[in-house]
Amino acid sequence: MQKCMQSLSKERVAAVLCTHCHKHFNVSKVENQRNKGLNAQIQCPLCEAWLGRNPILTRLKIMGFYIGASALGGYYWLPDYKNIAIPVLILSIITLLVSHLMDHLKVIEAPIKPEVNNDEHLRKYR
């Protein structure tokens, strides 16, 4: 039973899709990371592009969640503020969902491609 659970946990390694090379890689294969917090960036082990999220959208997502949770708590425990809590709750959930849909990994710094001199190849076909 324990071996079965270990094999299931090994199969469910988080995979990330690189937005530069469009290939999947495991999070455990990431070796390079720079910055911390909301500005954290990782380097794709396949194409060496630096990937990160937009910190403004991440802040909006966090803000929408906490304002929505506090508005829901205010709606539940303070029924006198129901007229204020409902529109605040709706707007915060809209902010949370829209910022969540827009917040994807993006290429911060693309890898440098070496220049290839193909003059001989072009001369062959002239």
C-alpha atoms as a PDB file:
ATOM      1  CA  MET A   1       0.000   0.000   0.000  1.00  0.00           C
ATOM      2  CA  GLN A   2       2.790   2.392   0.924  1.00  0.00           C
ATOM      3  CA  LYS A   3       4.680   1.676  -2.313  1.00  0.00           C
ATOM      4  CA  CYS A   4       1.525   2.431  -4.277  1.00  0.00           C
ATOM      5  CA  MET A   5       1.135   5.804  -2.528  1.00  0.00           C
ATOM      6  CA  GLN A   6       4.793   6.665  -3.161  1.00  0.00           C
ATOM      7  CA  SER A   7       4.485   5.881  -6.856  1.00  0.00           C
ATOM      8  CA  LEU A   8       1.367   8.066  -7.080  1.00  0.00           C
ATOM      9  CA  SER A   9       3.127  10.962  -5.388  1.00  0.00           C
ATOM     10  CA  LYS A  10       6.122  10.635  -7.727  1.00  0.00           C
ATOM     11  CA  GLU A  11       3.870  10.748 -10.802  1.00  0.00           C
ATOM     12  CA  ARG A  12       2.165  13.966  -9.738  1.00  0.00           C
ATOM     13  CA  VAL A  13       5.129  16.291 -10.046  1.00  0.00           C
ATOM     14  CA  ALA A  14       4.075  19.799 -10.994  1.00  0.00           C
ATOM     15  CA  ALA A  15       4.751  20.553 -14.636  1.00  0.00           C
ATOM     16  CA  VAL A  16       5.204  24.057 -16.011  1.00  0.00           C
ATOM     17  CA  LEU A  17       4.669  25.144 -19.610  1.00  0.00           C
ATOM     18  CA  CYS A  18       7.439  27.393 -20.923  1.00  0.00           C
ATOM     19  CA  THR A  19       5.970  30.320 -22.858  1.00  0.00           C
ATOM     20  CA  HIS A  20       9.113  30.644 -24.965  1.00  0.00           C
ATOM     21  CA  CYS A  21       9.758  27.096 -26.241  1.00  0.00           C
ATOM     22  CA  HIS A  22       6.201  25.777 -25.503  1.00  0.00           C
ATOM     23  CA  LYS A  23       7.490  22.619 -23.816  1.00  0.00           C
ATOM     24  CA  HIS A  24       6.603  21.171 -20.414  1.00  0.00           C
ATOM     25  CA  PHE A  25       9.212  20.746 -17.701  1.00  0.00           C
ATOM     26  CA  ASN A  26       9.111  19.664 -14.068  1.00  0.00           C
ATOM     27  CA  VAL A  27       9.442  22.263 -11.343  1.00  0.00           C
ATOM     28  CA  SER A  28      12.093  20.087  -9.705  1.00  0.00           C
ATOM     29  CA  LYS A  29      14.369  20.581 -12.744  1.00  0.00           C
ATOM     30  CA  VAL A  30      14.528  24.354 -12.268  1.00  0.00           C
ATOM     31  CA  GLU A  31      18.060  25.242 -11.193  1.00  0.00           C
ATOM     32  CA  ASN A  32      18.256  29.025 -11.531  1.00  0.00           C
ATOM     33  CA  GLN A  33      16.001  31.518  -9.815  1.00  0.00           C
ATOM     34  CA  ARG A  34      16.363  35.239  -9.325  1.00  0.00           C
ATOM     35  CA  ASN A  35      14.486  37.831  -7.262  1.00  0.00           C
ATOM     36  CA  LYS A  36      12.153  36.954  -4.425  1.00  0.00           C
ATOM     37  CA  GLY A  37       8.512  37.398  -3.521  1.00  0.00           C
ATOM     38  CA  LEU A  38       6.088  38.529  -6.212  1.00  0.00           C
ATOM     39  CA  ASN A  39       8.948  39.425  -8.576  1.00  0.00           C
ATOM     40  CA  ALA A  40      10.407  35.891  -8.566  1.00  0.00           C
ATOM     41  CA  GLN A  41      11.673  34.569 -11.885  1.00  0.00           C
ATOM     42  CA  ILE A  42      12.724  31.079 -12.922  1.00  0.00           C
ATOM     43  CA  GLN A  43      14.884  29.919 -15.804  1.00  0.00           C
ATOM     44  CA  CYS A  44      13.556  27.273 -18.174  1.00  0.00           C
ATOM     45  CA  PRO A  45      15.991  24.320 -18.137  1.00  0.00           C
ATOM     46  CA  LEU A  46      15.196  23.528 -21.785  1.00  0.00           C
ATOM     47  CA  CYS A  47      15.643  26.870 -23.571  1.00  0.00           C
ATOM     48  CA  GLU A  48      17.225  29.002 -20.786  1.00  0.00           C
ATOM     49  CA  ALA A  49      14.591  31.762 -21.011  1.00  0.00           C
ATOM     50  CA  TRP A  50      13.725  33.669 -17.826  1.00  0.00           C
ATOM     51  CA  LEU A  51      10.024  33.330 -16.933  1.00  0.00           C
ATOM     52  CA  GLY A  52       8.023  35.370 -14.435  1.00  0.00           C
ATOM     53  CA  ARG A  53       4.602  36.700 -13.549  1.00  0.00           C
ATOM     54  CA  ASN A  54       3.276  40.234 -13.609  1.00  0.00           C
ATOM     55  CA  PRO A  55       3.543  41.512 -10.000  1.00  0.00           C
ATOM     56  CA  ILE A  56       0.699  44.035 -10.462  1.00  0.00           C
ATOM     57  CA  LEU A  57      -1.767  41.322 -11.475  1.00  0.00           C
ATOM     58  CA  THR A  58      -0.612  39.131  -8.606  1.00  0.00           C
ATOM     59  CA  ARG A  59      -1.194  41.974  -6.158  1.00  0.00           C
ATOM     60  CA  LEU A  60      -4.662  42.565  -7.647  1.00  0.00           C
ATOM     61  CA  LYS A  61      -5.465  38.887  -7.231  1.00  0.00           C
ATOM     62  CA  ILE A  62      -4.384  38.865  -3.582  1.00  0.00           C
ATOM     63  CA  MET A  63      -6.205  42.147  -2.894  1.00  0.00           C
ATOM     64  CA  GLY A  64      -9.414  40.853  -4.536  1.00  0.00           C
ATOM     65  CA  PHE A  65      -9.321  37.705  -2.434  1.00  0.00           C
ATOM     66  CA  TYR A  66      -8.816  39.440   0.910  1.00  0.00           C
ATOM     67  CA  ILE A  67     -11.296  42.249   0.253  1.00  0.00           C
ATOM     68  CA  GLY A  68     -13.860  39.658  -0.861  1.00  0.00           C
ATOM     69  CA  ALA A  69     -13.258  37.525   2.229  1.00  0.00           C
ATOM     70  CA  SER A  70     -13.603  40.540   4.533  1.00  0.00           C
ATOM     71  CA  ALA A  71     -16.766  41.684   2.721  1.00  0.00           C
ATOM     72  CA  LEU A  72     -18.227  38.204   3.092  1.00  0.00           C
ATOM     73  CA  GLY A  73     -17.366  38.232   6.793  1.00  0.00           C
ATOM     74  CA  GLY A  74     -18.941  41.678   7.140  1.00  0.00           C
ATOM     75  CA  TYR A  75     -22.061  40.468   5.341  1.00  0.00           C
ATOM     76  CA  TYR A  76     -22.340  37.473   7.659  1.00  0.00           C
ATOM     77  CA  TRP A  77     -21.501  39.016  11.041  1.00  0.00           C
ATOM     78  CA  LEU A  78     -22.667  42.623  10.510  1.00  0.00           C
ATOM     79  CA  PRO A  79     -26.043  42.471   8.742  1.00  0.00           C
ATOM     80  CA  ASP A  80     -26.445  46.261   9.033  1.00  0.00           C
ATOM     81  CA  TYR A  81     -23.709  46.695   6.391  1.00  0.00           C
ATOM     82  CA  LYS A  82     -25.358  44.313   3.931  1.00  0.00           C
ATOM     83  CA  ASN A  83     -26.007  47.106   1.381  1.00  0.00           C
ATOM     84  CA  ILE A  84     -22.301  47.962   1.257  1.00  0.00           C
ATOM     85  CA  ALA A  85     -20.878  44.446   1.580  1.00  0.00           C
ATOM     86  CA  ILE A  86     -22.708  42.906  -1.399  1.00  0.00           C
ATOM     87  CA  PRO A  87     -21.416  45.321  -4.104  1.00  0.00           C
ATOM     88  CA  VAL A  88     -17.913  45.250  -2.590  1.00  0.00           C
ATOM     89  CA  LEU A  89     -18.023  41.450  -2.594  1.00  0.00           C
ATOM     90  CA  ILE A  90     -19.161  41.325  -6.233  1.00  0.00           C
ATOM     91  CA  LEU A  91     -16.490  43.788  -7.402  1.00  0.00           C
ATOM     92  CA  SER A  92     -13.730  42.012  -5.500  1.00  0.00           C
ATOM     93  CA  ILE A  93     -14.697  38.630  -6.958  1.00  0.00           C
ATOM     94  CA  ILE A  94     -14.721  40.138 -10.463  1.00  0.00           C
ATOM     95  CA  THR A  95     -11.267  41.623  -9.804  1.00  0.00           C
ATOM     96  CA  LEU A  96     -10.028  38.283  -8.480  1.00  0.00           C
ATOM     97  CA  LEU A  97     -11.301  36.296 -11.463  1.00  0.00           C
ATOM     98  CA  VAL A  98     -10.129  38.726 -14.161  1.00  0.00           C
ATOM     99  CA  SER A  99      -6.658  39.080 -12.644  1.00  0.00           C
ATOM    100  CA  HIS A 100      -6.443  35.292 -12.265  1.00  0.00           C
ATOM    101  CA  LEU A 101      -7.291  34.760 -15.945  1.00  0.00           C
ATOM    102  CA  MET A 102      -4.704  37.320 -17.075  1.00  0.00           C
ATOM    103  CA  ASP A 103      -1.874  36.268 -14.748  1.00  0.00           C
ATOM    104  CA  HIS A 104       0.260  33.770 -16.685  1.00  0.00           C
ATOM    105  CA  LEU A 105       3.963  33.110 -16.947  1.00  0.00           C
ATOM    106  CA  LYS A 106       5.572  35.433 -19.453  1.00  0.00           C
ATOM    107  CA  VAL A 107       9.033  35.636 -20.956  1.00  0.00           C
ATOM    108  CA  ILE A 108      11.056  38.225 -19.053  1.00  0.00           C
ATOM    109  CA  GLU A 109      14.337  37.678 -20.873  1.00  0.00           C
ATOM    110  CA  ALA A 110      14.697  35.523 -23.981  1.00  0.00           C
ATOM    111  CA  PRO A 111      17.893  33.522 -24.452  1.00  0.00           C
ATOM    112  CA  ILE A 112      20.565  34.911 -26.740  1.00  0.00           C
ATOM    113  CA  LYS A 113      20.738  32.982 -29.984  1.00  0.00           C
ATOM    114  CA  PRO A 114      24.192  32.645 -31.542  1.00  0.00           C
ATOM    115  CA  GLU A 115      24.510  34.026 -35.059  1.00  0.00           C
ATOM    116  CA  VAL A 116      24.912  31.339 -37.670  1.00  0.00           C
ATOM    117  CA  ASN A 117      26.927  32.142 -40.776  1.00  0.00           C
ATOM    118  CA  ASN A 118      25.172  30.364 -43.621  1.00  0.00           C
ATOM    119  CA  ASP A 119      26.827  32.126 -46.566  1.00  0.00           C
ATOM    120  CA  GLU A 120      28.200  28.872 -47.950  1.00  0.00           C
ATOM    121  CA  HIS A 121      24.789  27.284 -47.815  1.00  0.00           C
ATOM    122  CA  LEU A 122      23.238  30.266 -49.625  1.00  0.00           C
ATOM    123  CA  ARG A 123      25.970  30.278 -52.310  1.00  0.00           C
ATOM    124  CA  LYS A 124      25.261  26.651 -53.080  1.00  0.00           C
ATOM    125  CA  TYR A 125      21.709  27.499 -54.192  1.00  0.00           C
ATOM    126  CA  ARG A 126      22.460  30.654 -56.203  1.00  0.00           C
END
